[in-house]
Amino acid sequence: MINLLRMELFKLGKNRMFWTLMIIVTVVFALLHVLITIGWWKMDNMFMGAGLEMFSSLALATAPFYFMLFLCTFAGFFVANDFTIGVAKNIVMSGNRRSHIFLAKFIVLALGSMVLAGVCPFIVIIGGKVLFGFGEMTDPSALGYLARAVGLFLIHMLALVALLMLIAVLAEDSGKTIIISIVIALFISVAEVLRPLPGVLEAMYRYSIFHHLIDSFRIRMTYADVIQSLLVGFSSLLILVFFGILVFKRKEIK
């Protein structure tokens, strides 16, 4: 397992698409952050209300369609592309257990995704504050809210990464993985706008990782809300990883 992780980390370091996406994410978010901070793009969001003006651009970075666009591209070229070029077949033939292969790929995919969706935006925000004084923080005590919100968001993002991994294994093609994932992201965005959804669809959506991704940044959450969010996130993560391993074990890799 350790050797598999080292191999996947080596592949990540050599993956041109990952570094390209990292540069694109940093540049795009930096531009959006500057426009929001200088007031050119007016935004009233939960960070403003919490007294964390310097983090207001995070509202864009945590929008499902925004980060799904980058993560599905990363998953497509890091996981699905292995089936296309024959790398997956070589790894399976090496004698390693398929469950270990899947878990190693998922862990490294999750690490890369956290860098793209979390680390890059925070580096831009902190760097902007240190270098140019961008943004204010009128209520430092609200940093507790930010830590809770980011923690919940990352849990649900990991579950989403497990879903992207499953899609990539099933599709075996980077293009199909990206298209399917973007369609899902569009459905998430539309569902949030149209809420409340009719009948049982509303209940299904309310207890899904897609809703809790957005709901993680709600300013006021009760203890019961946090527990529910954690249960949805962890249970979804475990279920998706389990089905991913099951599919990968039974898959005929050509």
C-alpha atoms as a PDB file:
ATOM      1  CA  MET A   1       0.000   0.000   0.000  1.00  0.00           C
ATOM      2  CA  ILE A   2       2.837   2.397   0.891  1.00  0.00           C
ATOM      3  CA  ASN A   3       4.555   1.733  -2.435  1.00  0.00           C
ATOM      4  CA  LEU A   4       1.271   2.323  -4.269  1.00  0.00           C
ATOM      5  CA  LEU A   5       0.858   5.664  -2.495  1.00  0.00           C
ATOM      6  CA  ARG A   6       4.416   6.648  -3.381  1.00  0.00           C
ATOM      7  CA  MET A   7       3.801   5.730  -7.004  1.00  0.00           C
ATOM      8  CA  GLU A   8       0.563   7.740  -7.154  1.00  0.00           C
ATOM      9  CA  LEU A   9       2.228  10.727  -5.478  1.00  0.00           C
ATOM     10  CA  PHE A  10       5.051  10.507  -8.021  1.00  0.00           C
ATOM     11  CA  LYS A  11       2.469  10.442 -10.825  1.00  0.00           C
ATOM     12  CA  LEU A  12       0.750  13.470  -9.283  1.00  0.00           C
ATOM     13  CA  GLY A  13       4.009  15.386  -9.213  1.00  0.00           C
ATOM     14  CA  LYS A  14       4.608  14.576 -12.891  1.00  0.00           C
ATOM     15  CA  ASN A  15       1.000  15.194 -13.966  1.00  0.00           C
ATOM     16  CA  ARG A  16       1.030  18.247 -16.235  1.00  0.00           C
ATOM     17  CA  MET A  17      -2.732  18.668 -16.028  1.00  0.00           C
ATOM     18  CA  PHE A  18      -2.567  18.986 -12.225  1.00  0.00           C
ATOM     19  CA  TRP A  19       0.027  21.766 -12.399  1.00  0.00           C
ATOM     20  CA  THR A  20      -1.818  23.463 -15.231  1.00  0.00           C
ATOM     21  CA  LEU A  21      -5.053  23.397 -13.238  1.00  0.00           C
ATOM     22  CA  MET A  22      -3.238  24.703 -10.170  1.00  0.00           C
ATOM     23  CA  ILE A  23      -1.946  27.697 -12.133  1.00  0.00           C
ATOM     24  CA  ILE A  24      -5.366  28.326 -13.727  1.00  0.00           C
ATOM     25  CA  VAL A  25      -7.204  28.056 -10.384  1.00  0.00           C
ATOM     26  CA  THR A  26      -4.736  30.418  -8.692  1.00  0.00           C
ATOM     27  CA  VAL A  27      -4.827  33.015 -11.479  1.00  0.00           C
ATOM     28  CA  VAL A  28      -8.625  32.922 -11.929  1.00  0.00           C
ATOM     29  CA  PHE A  29      -9.325  33.051  -8.199  1.00  0.00           C
ATOM     30  CA  ALA A  30      -6.765  35.827  -7.673  1.00  0.00           C
ATOM     31  CA  LEU A  31      -8.477  37.916 -10.358  1.00  0.00           C
ATOM     32  CA  LEU A  32     -11.929  37.297  -8.858  1.00  0.00           C
ATOM     33  CA  HIS A  33     -10.610  37.992  -5.358  1.00  0.00           C
ATOM     34  CA  VAL A  34      -9.181  41.356  -6.421  1.00  0.00           C
ATOM     35  CA  LEU A  35     -12.389  42.379  -8.224  1.00  0.00           C
ATOM     36  CA  ILE A  36     -14.510  41.481  -5.185  1.00  0.00           C
ATOM     37  CA  THR A  37     -12.141  43.084  -2.661  1.00  0.00           C
ATOM     38  CA  ILE A  38     -11.839  46.427  -4.472  1.00  0.00           C
ATOM     39  CA  GLY A  39     -15.624  46.585  -4.789  1.00  0.00           C
ATOM     40  CA  TRP A  40     -15.810  46.237  -8.563  1.00  0.00           C
ATOM     41  CA  TRP A  41     -17.885  43.076  -8.093  1.00  0.00           C
ATOM     42  CA  LYS A  42     -20.418  43.639  -5.342  1.00  0.00           C
ATOM     43  CA  MET A  43     -21.187  40.561  -3.259  1.00  0.00           C
ATOM     44  CA  ASP A  44     -23.322  40.211  -0.155  1.00  0.00           C
ATOM     45  CA  ASN A  45     -22.646  36.780   1.292  1.00  0.00           C
ATOM     46  CA  MET A  46     -22.281  34.913   4.565  1.00  0.00           C
ATOM     47  CA  PHE A  47     -18.670  36.000   5.048  1.00  0.00           C
ATOM     48  CA  MET A  48     -19.646  39.659   4.946  1.00  0.00           C
ATOM     49  CA  GLY A  49     -22.363  38.983   7.523  1.00  0.00           C
ATOM     50  CA  ALA A  50     -19.915  37.129   9.765  1.00  0.00           C
ATOM     51  CA  GLY A  51     -17.419  39.997   9.779  1.00  0.00           C
ATOM     52  CA  LEU A  52     -14.915  38.181   7.559  1.00  0.00           C
ATOM     53  CA  GLU A  53     -14.791  40.514   4.573  1.00  0.00           C
ATOM     54  CA  MET A  54     -11.316  39.319   3.521  1.00  0.00           C
ATOM     55  CA  PHE A  55     -12.747  35.828   2.927  1.00  0.00           C
ATOM     56  CA  SER A  56     -15.781  36.997   0.923  1.00  0.00           C
ATOM     57  CA  SER A  57     -14.404  35.607  -2.355  1.00  0.00           C
ATOM     58  CA  LEU A  58     -14.561  32.095  -0.855  1.00  0.00           C
ATOM     59  CA  ALA A  59     -18.256  32.186  -1.722  1.00  0.00           C
ATOM     60  CA  LEU A  60     -17.181  31.702  -5.349  1.00  0.00           C
ATOM     61  CA  ALA A  61     -14.526  29.077  -4.598  1.00  0.00           C
ATOM     62  CA  THR A  62     -17.089  26.939  -2.771  1.00  0.00           C
ATOM     63  CA  ALA A  63     -19.767  27.191  -5.466  1.00  0.00           C
ATOM     64  CA  PRO A  64     -20.377  23.618  -6.753  1.00  0.00           C
ATOM     65  CA  PHE A  65     -20.073  24.418 -10.456  1.00  0.00           C
ATOM     66  CA  TYR A  66     -16.838  26.385  -9.949  1.00  0.00           C
ATOM     67  CA  PHE A  67     -14.828  23.723  -8.158  1.00  0.00           C
ATOM     68  CA  MET A  68     -16.492  20.762  -9.914  1.00  0.00           C
ATOM     69  CA  LEU A  69     -15.191  22.139 -13.203  1.00  0.00           C
ATOM     70  CA  PHE A  70     -11.612  21.827 -11.961  1.00  0.00           C
ATOM     71  CA  LEU A  71     -11.992  18.641  -9.928  1.00  0.00           C
ATOM     72  CA  CYS A  72     -13.712  16.633 -12.670  1.00  0.00           C
ATOM     73  CA  THR A  73     -10.979  17.664 -15.129  1.00  0.00           C
ATOM     74  CA  PHE A  74      -8.352  16.564 -12.619  1.00  0.00           C
ATOM     75  CA  ALA A  75     -10.143  13.249 -11.962  1.00  0.00           C
ATOM     76  CA  GLY A  76     -10.554  12.639 -15.682  1.00  0.00           C
ATOM     77  CA  PHE A  77      -6.881  13.092 -16.508  1.00  0.00           C
ATOM     78  CA  PHE A  78      -5.472  11.554 -13.299  1.00  0.00           C
ATOM     79  CA  VAL A  79      -7.709   8.471 -12.971  1.00  0.00           C
ATOM     80  CA  ALA A  80      -9.721   7.806 -16.147  1.00  0.00           C
ATOM     81  CA  ASN A  81      -6.732   8.474 -18.390  1.00  0.00           C
ATOM     82  CA  ASP A  82      -4.896   5.542 -16.749  1.00  0.00           C
ATOM     83  CA  PHE A  83      -7.365   3.157 -18.393  1.00  0.00           C
ATOM     84  CA  THR A  84      -6.924   4.791 -21.798  1.00  0.00           C
ATOM     85  CA  ILE A  85      -3.116   4.605 -21.888  1.00  0.00           C
ATOM     86  CA  GLY A  86      -2.870   1.177 -20.217  1.00  0.00           C
ATOM     87  CA  VAL A  87      -1.336   2.254 -16.884  1.00  0.00           C
ATOM     88  CA  ALA A  88      -4.223   0.747 -14.885  1.00  0.00           C
ATOM     89  CA  LYS A  89      -3.676  -2.661 -16.498  1.00  0.00           C
ATOM     90  CA  ASN A  90       0.035  -2.625 -15.669  1.00  0.00           C
ATOM     91  CA  ILE A  91      -0.654  -1.736 -12.025  1.00  0.00           C
ATOM     92  CA  VAL A  92      -3.243  -4.514 -11.679  1.00  0.00           C
ATOM     93  CA  MET A  93      -0.838  -7.019 -13.257  1.00  0.00           C
ATOM     94  CA  SER A  94       1.833  -6.068 -10.704  1.00  0.00           C
ATOM     95  CA  GLY A  95       0.077  -8.277  -8.156  1.00  0.00           C
ATOM     96  CA  ASN A  96      -1.237  -5.567  -5.812  1.00  0.00           C
ATOM     97  CA  ARG A  97      -4.701  -5.986  -4.374  1.00  0.00           C
ATOM     98  CA  ARG A  98      -7.283  -4.030  -6.361  1.00  0.00           C
ATOM     99  CA  SER A  99      -8.758  -2.519  -3.202  1.00  0.00           C
ATOM    100  CA  HIS A 100      -5.326  -1.119  -2.297  1.00  0.00           C
ATOM    101  CA  ILE A 101      -4.869   0.244  -5.827  1.00  0.00           C
ATOM    102  CA  PHE A 102      -8.239   1.995  -5.661  1.00  0.00           C
ATOM    103  CA  LEU A 103      -7.598   3.431  -2.192  1.00  0.00           C
ATOM    104  CA  ALA A 104      -4.143   4.703  -3.159  1.00  0.00           C
ATOM    105  CA  LYS A 105      -5.561   6.450  -6.220  1.00  0.00           C
ATOM    106  CA  PHE A 106      -8.441   7.888  -4.168  1.00  0.00           C
ATOM    107  CA  ILE A 107      -6.180   9.221  -1.398  1.00  0.00           C
ATOM    108  CA  VAL A 108      -3.872  10.995  -3.850  1.00  0.00           C
ATOM    109  CA  LEU A 109      -6.827  12.251  -5.899  1.00  0.00           C
ATOM    110  CA  ALA A 110      -8.321  13.633  -2.668  1.00  0.00           C
ATOM    111  CA  LEU A 111      -5.038  15.345  -1.734  1.00  0.00           C
ATOM    112  CA  GLY A 112      -4.767  16.944  -5.167  1.00  0.00           C
ATOM    113  CA  SER A 113      -8.404  18.019  -5.024  1.00  0.00           C
ATOM    114  CA  MET A 114      -7.912  19.632  -1.606  1.00  0.00           C
ATOM    115  CA  VAL A 115      -4.993  21.618  -3.021  1.00  0.00           C
ATOM    116  CA  LEU A 116      -7.067  22.823  -5.981  1.00  0.00           C
ATOM    117  CA  ALA A 117     -10.288  23.566  -4.087  1.00  0.00           C
ATOM    118  CA  GLY A 118      -8.883  24.686  -0.725  1.00  0.00           C
ATOM    119  CA  VAL A 119      -5.185  25.447  -0.532  1.00  0.00           C
ATOM    120  CA  CYS A 120      -4.931  27.630  -3.659  1.00  0.00           C
ATOM    121  CA  PRO A 121      -7.804  29.985  -2.678  1.00  0.00           C
ATOM    122  CA  PHE A 122      -6.480  30.369   0.889  1.00  0.00           C
ATOM    123  CA  ILE A 123      -2.965  31.132  -0.370  1.00  0.00           C
ATOM    124  CA  VAL A 124      -4.411  33.868  -2.607  1.00  0.00           C
ATOM    125  CA  ILE A 125      -6.509  35.314   0.229  1.00  0.00           C
ATOM    126  CA  ILE A 126      -3.714  35.306   2.833  1.00  0.00           C
ATOM    127  CA  GLY A 127      -1.164  36.514   0.271  1.00  0.00           C
ATOM    128  CA  GLY A 128      -3.449  39.371  -0.787  1.00  0.00           C
ATOM    129  CA  LYS A 129      -3.883  40.439   2.825  1.00  0.00           C
ATOM    130  CA  VAL A 130      -0.167  40.261   3.675  1.00  0.00           C
ATOM    131  CA  LEU A 131       1.116  41.908   0.484  1.00  0.00           C
ATOM    132  CA  PHE A 132      -1.618  44.417  -0.362  1.00  0.00           C
ATOM    133  CA  GLY A 133      -3.865  44.617   2.697  1.00  0.00           C
ATOM    134  CA  PHE A 134      -6.868  43.293   0.783  1.00  0.00           C
ATOM    135  CA  GLY A 135      -9.995  42.841   2.896  1.00  0.00           C
ATOM    136  CA  GLU A 136     -10.848  43.406   6.549  1.00  0.00           C
ATOM    137  CA  MET A 137     -11.691  41.124   9.440  1.00  0.00           C
ATOM    138  CA  THR A 138     -13.995  43.099  11.721  1.00  0.00           C
ATOM    139  CA  ASP A 139     -14.873  40.100  13.890  1.00  0.00           C
ATOM    140  CA  PRO A 140     -11.861  37.796  14.513  1.00  0.00           C
ATOM    141  CA  SER A 141     -14.021  35.597  16.755  1.00  0.00           C
ATOM    142  CA  ALA A 142     -15.845  34.518  13.579  1.00  0.00           C
ATOM    143  CA  LEU A 143     -12.758  32.507  12.616  1.00  0.00           C
ATOM    144  CA  GLY A 144     -14.332  29.683  14.637  1.00  0.00           C
ATOM    145  CA  TYR A 145     -17.279  29.757  12.240  1.00  0.00           C
ATOM    146  CA  LEU A 146     -14.853  29.672   9.294  1.00  0.00           C
ATOM    147  CA  ALA A 147     -13.004  26.647  10.705  1.00  0.00           C
ATOM    148  CA  ARG A 148     -16.282  24.770  11.244  1.00  0.00           C
ATOM    149  CA  ALA A 149     -17.560  25.670   7.780  1.00  0.00           C
ATOM    150  CA  VAL A 150     -14.339  24.710   5.978  1.00  0.00           C
ATOM    151  CA  GLY A 151     -14.117  21.452   7.945  1.00  0.00           C
ATOM    152  CA  LEU A 152     -17.648  20.400   6.967  1.00  0.00           C
ATOM    153  CA  PHE A 153     -17.070  21.519   3.392  1.00  0.00           C
ATOM    154  CA  LEU A 154     -13.922  19.388   3.074  1.00  0.00           C
ATOM    155  CA  ILE A 155     -15.706  16.288   4.401  1.00  0.00           C
ATOM    156  CA  HIS A 156     -18.437  16.615   1.774  1.00  0.00           C
ATOM    157  CA  MET A 157     -15.874  17.480  -0.871  1.00  0.00           C
ATOM    158  CA  LEU A 158     -14.066  14.204  -0.109  1.00  0.00           C
ATOM    159  CA  ALA A 159     -17.350  12.354  -0.632  1.00  0.00           C
ATOM    160  CA  LEU A 160     -17.734  14.196  -3.928  1.00  0.00           C
ATOM    161  CA  VAL A 161     -14.184  13.191  -4.915  1.00  0.00           C
ATOM    162  CA  ALA A 162     -15.147   9.564  -4.189  1.00  0.00           C
ATOM    163  CA  LEU A 163     -18.103  10.030  -6.562  1.00  0.00           C
ATOM    164  CA  LEU A 164     -15.809  11.479  -9.244  1.00  0.00           C
ATOM    165  CA  MET A 165     -13.449   8.542  -8.737  1.00  0.00           C
ATOM    166  CA  LEU A 166     -16.340   6.112  -9.233  1.00  0.00           C
ATOM    167  CA  ILE A 167     -17.432   7.939 -12.384  1.00  0.00           C
ATOM    168  CA  ALA A 168     -13.858   7.880 -13.731  1.00  0.00           C
ATOM    169  CA  VAL A 169     -13.542   4.126 -13.120  1.00  0.00           C
ATOM    170  CA  LEU A 170     -16.874   3.445 -14.819  1.00  0.00           C
ATOM    171  CA  ALA A 171     -16.270   5.794 -17.769  1.00  0.00           C
ATOM    172  CA  GLU A 172     -12.605   4.840 -18.406  1.00  0.00           C
ATOM    173  CA  ASP A 173     -12.284   8.036 -20.427  1.00  0.00           C
ATOM    174  CA  SER A 174     -11.341  11.561 -19.374  1.00  0.00           C
ATOM    175  CA  GLY A 175     -13.830  13.212 -21.736  1.00  0.00           C
ATOM    176  CA  LYS A 176     -16.798  11.145 -20.534  1.00  0.00           C
ATOM    177  CA  THR A 177     -15.804  11.713 -16.900  1.00  0.00           C
ATOM    178  CA  ILE A 178     -15.704  15.482 -17.374  1.00  0.00           C
ATOM    179  CA  ILE A 179     -19.018  15.618 -19.270  1.00  0.00           C
ATOM    180  CA  ILE A 180     -20.905  13.452 -16.734  1.00  0.00           C
ATOM    181  CA  SER A 181     -19.470  15.448 -13.813  1.00  0.00           C
ATOM    182  CA  ILE A 182     -20.369  18.811 -15.360  1.00  0.00           C
ATOM    183  CA  VAL A 183     -23.939  17.596 -15.942  1.00  0.00           C
ATOM    184  CA  ILE A 184     -24.120  16.639 -12.242  1.00  0.00           C
ATOM    185  CA  ALA A 185     -22.768  20.077 -11.270  1.00  0.00           C
ATOM    186  CA  LEU A 186     -25.447  21.741 -13.414  1.00  0.00           C
ATOM    187  CA  PHE A 187     -28.160  19.664 -11.735  1.00  0.00           C
ATOM    188  CA  ILE A 188     -26.824  20.690  -8.307  1.00  0.00           C
ATOM    189  CA  SER A 189     -26.923  24.382  -9.251  1.00  0.00           C
ATOM    190  CA  VAL A 190     -30.420  24.135 -10.752  1.00  0.00           C
ATOM    191  CA  ALA A 191     -31.757  22.143  -7.783  1.00  0.00           C
ATOM    192  CA  GLU A 192     -30.491  24.762  -5.313  1.00  0.00           C
ATOM    193  CA  VAL A 193     -32.115  27.576  -7.297  1.00  0.00           C
ATOM    194  CA  LEU A 194     -35.472  25.759  -7.677  1.00  0.00           C
ATOM    195  CA  ARG A 195     -35.791  24.754  -4.019  1.00  0.00           C
ATOM    196  CA  PRO A 196     -38.042  23.628  -2.494  1.00  0.00           C
ATOM    197  CA  LEU A 197     -38.168  20.705  -4.878  1.00  0.00           C
ATOM    198  CA  PRO A 198     -41.400  18.736  -5.347  1.00  0.00           C
ATOM    199  CA  GLY A 199     -42.228  15.895  -2.947  1.00  0.00           C
ATOM    200  CA  VAL A 200     -39.632  13.275  -2.174  1.00  0.00           C
ATOM    201  CA  LEU A 201     -37.003  15.026  -4.308  1.00  0.00           C
ATOM    202  CA  GLU A 202     -36.679  17.743  -1.660  1.00  0.00           C
ATOM    203  CA  ALA A 203     -36.038  15.183   1.097  1.00  0.00           C
ATOM    204  CA  MET A 204     -33.483  13.342  -1.063  1.00  0.00           C
ATOM    205  CA  TYR A 205     -31.674  16.547  -1.900  1.00  0.00           C
ATOM    206  CA  ARG A 206     -31.706  17.801   1.704  1.00  0.00           C
ATOM    207  CA  TYR A 207     -29.865  14.671   2.867  1.00  0.00           C
ATOM    208  CA  SER A 208     -27.354  14.613   0.016  1.00  0.00           C
ATOM    209  CA  ILE A 209     -23.728  15.757  -0.057  1.00  0.00           C
ATOM    210  CA  PHE A 210     -24.670  18.230  -2.790  1.00  0.00           C
ATOM    211  CA  HIS A 211     -26.912  20.226  -0.459  1.00  0.00           C
ATOM    212  CA  HIS A 212     -24.509  19.984   2.485  1.00  0.00           C
ATOM    213  CA  LEU A 213     -21.612  21.234   0.360  1.00  0.00           C
ATOM    214  CA  ILE A 214     -23.446  24.544   0.093  1.00  0.00           C
ATOM    215  CA  ASP A 215     -25.053  24.383   3.552  1.00  0.00           C
ATOM    216  CA  SER A 216     -21.663  23.945   5.256  1.00  0.00           C
ATOM    217  CA  PHE A 217     -21.129  27.713   5.159  1.00  0.00           C
ATOM    218  CA  ARG A 218     -24.427  28.604   6.832  1.00  0.00           C
ATOM    219  CA  ILE A 219     -23.598  31.035   9.647  1.00  0.00           C
ATOM    220  CA  ARG A 220     -26.013  29.670  12.219  1.00  0.00           C
ATOM    221  CA  MET A 221     -25.987  25.902  12.637  1.00  0.00           C
ATOM    222  CA  THR A 222     -27.269  24.054  15.679  1.00  0.00           C
ATOM    223  CA  TYR A 223     -25.437  21.117  17.249  1.00  0.00           C
ATOM    224  CA  ALA A 224     -27.991  18.812  15.579  1.00  0.00           C
ATOM    225  CA  ASP A 225     -27.311  20.446  12.176  1.00  0.00           C
ATOM    226  CA  VAL A 226     -23.568  19.842  12.526  1.00  0.00           C
ATOM    227  CA  ILE A 227     -24.099  16.210  13.560  1.00  0.00           C
ATOM    228  CA  GLN A 228     -26.460  15.657  10.619  1.00  0.00           C
ATOM    229  CA  SER A 229     -23.941  17.201   8.223  1.00  0.00           C
ATOM    230  CA  LEU A 230     -21.158  14.977   9.583  1.00  0.00           C
ATOM    231  CA  LEU A 231     -23.317  11.856   9.332  1.00  0.00           C
ATOM    232  CA  VAL A 232     -24.304  12.618   5.741  1.00  0.00           C
ATOM    233  CA  GLY A 233     -20.709  13.391   4.770  1.00  0.00           C
ATOM    234  CA  PHE A 234     -19.018  10.386   6.366  1.00  0.00           C
ATOM    235  CA  SER A 235     -21.724   7.882   5.423  1.00  0.00           C
ATOM    236  CA  SER A 236     -21.720   9.098   1.798  1.00  0.00           C
ATOM    237  CA  LEU A 237     -17.916   8.901   1.718  1.00  0.00           C
ATOM    238  CA  LEU A 238     -17.849   5.322   3.053  1.00  0.00           C
ATOM    239  CA  ILE A 239     -20.658   4.155   0.746  1.00  0.00           C
ATOM    240  CA  LEU A 240     -19.102   5.687  -2.372  1.00  0.00           C
ATOM    241  CA  VAL A 241     -15.631   4.319  -1.569  1.00  0.00           C
ATOM    242  CA  PHE A 242     -17.136   0.870  -0.907  1.00  0.00           C
ATOM    243  CA  PHE A 243     -18.970   0.843  -4.251  1.00  0.00           C
ATOM    244  CA  GLY A 244     -15.891   2.223  -5.985  1.00  0.00           C
ATOM    245  CA  ILE A 245     -13.751  -0.642  -4.679  1.00  0.00           C
ATOM    246  CA  LEU A 246     -16.498  -3.144  -5.600  1.00  0.00           C
ATOM    247  CA  VAL A 247     -16.705  -1.828  -9.173  1.00  0.00           C
ATOM    248  CA  PHE A 248     -12.910  -1.724  -9.544  1.00  0.00           C
ATOM    249  CA  LYS A 249     -12.570  -5.308  -8.272  1.00  0.00           C
ATOM    250  CA  ARG A 250     -15.081  -6.649 -10.778  1.00  0.00           C
ATOM    251  CA  LYS A 251     -13.972  -4.504 -13.693  1.00  0.00           C
ATOM    252  CA  GLU A 252     -12.330  -6.095 -16.704  1.00  0.00           C
ATOM    253  CA  ILE A 253      -9.329  -3.896 -17.401  1.00  0.00           C
ATOM    254  CA  LYS A 254      -8.104  -4.064 -20.979  1.00  0.00           C
END
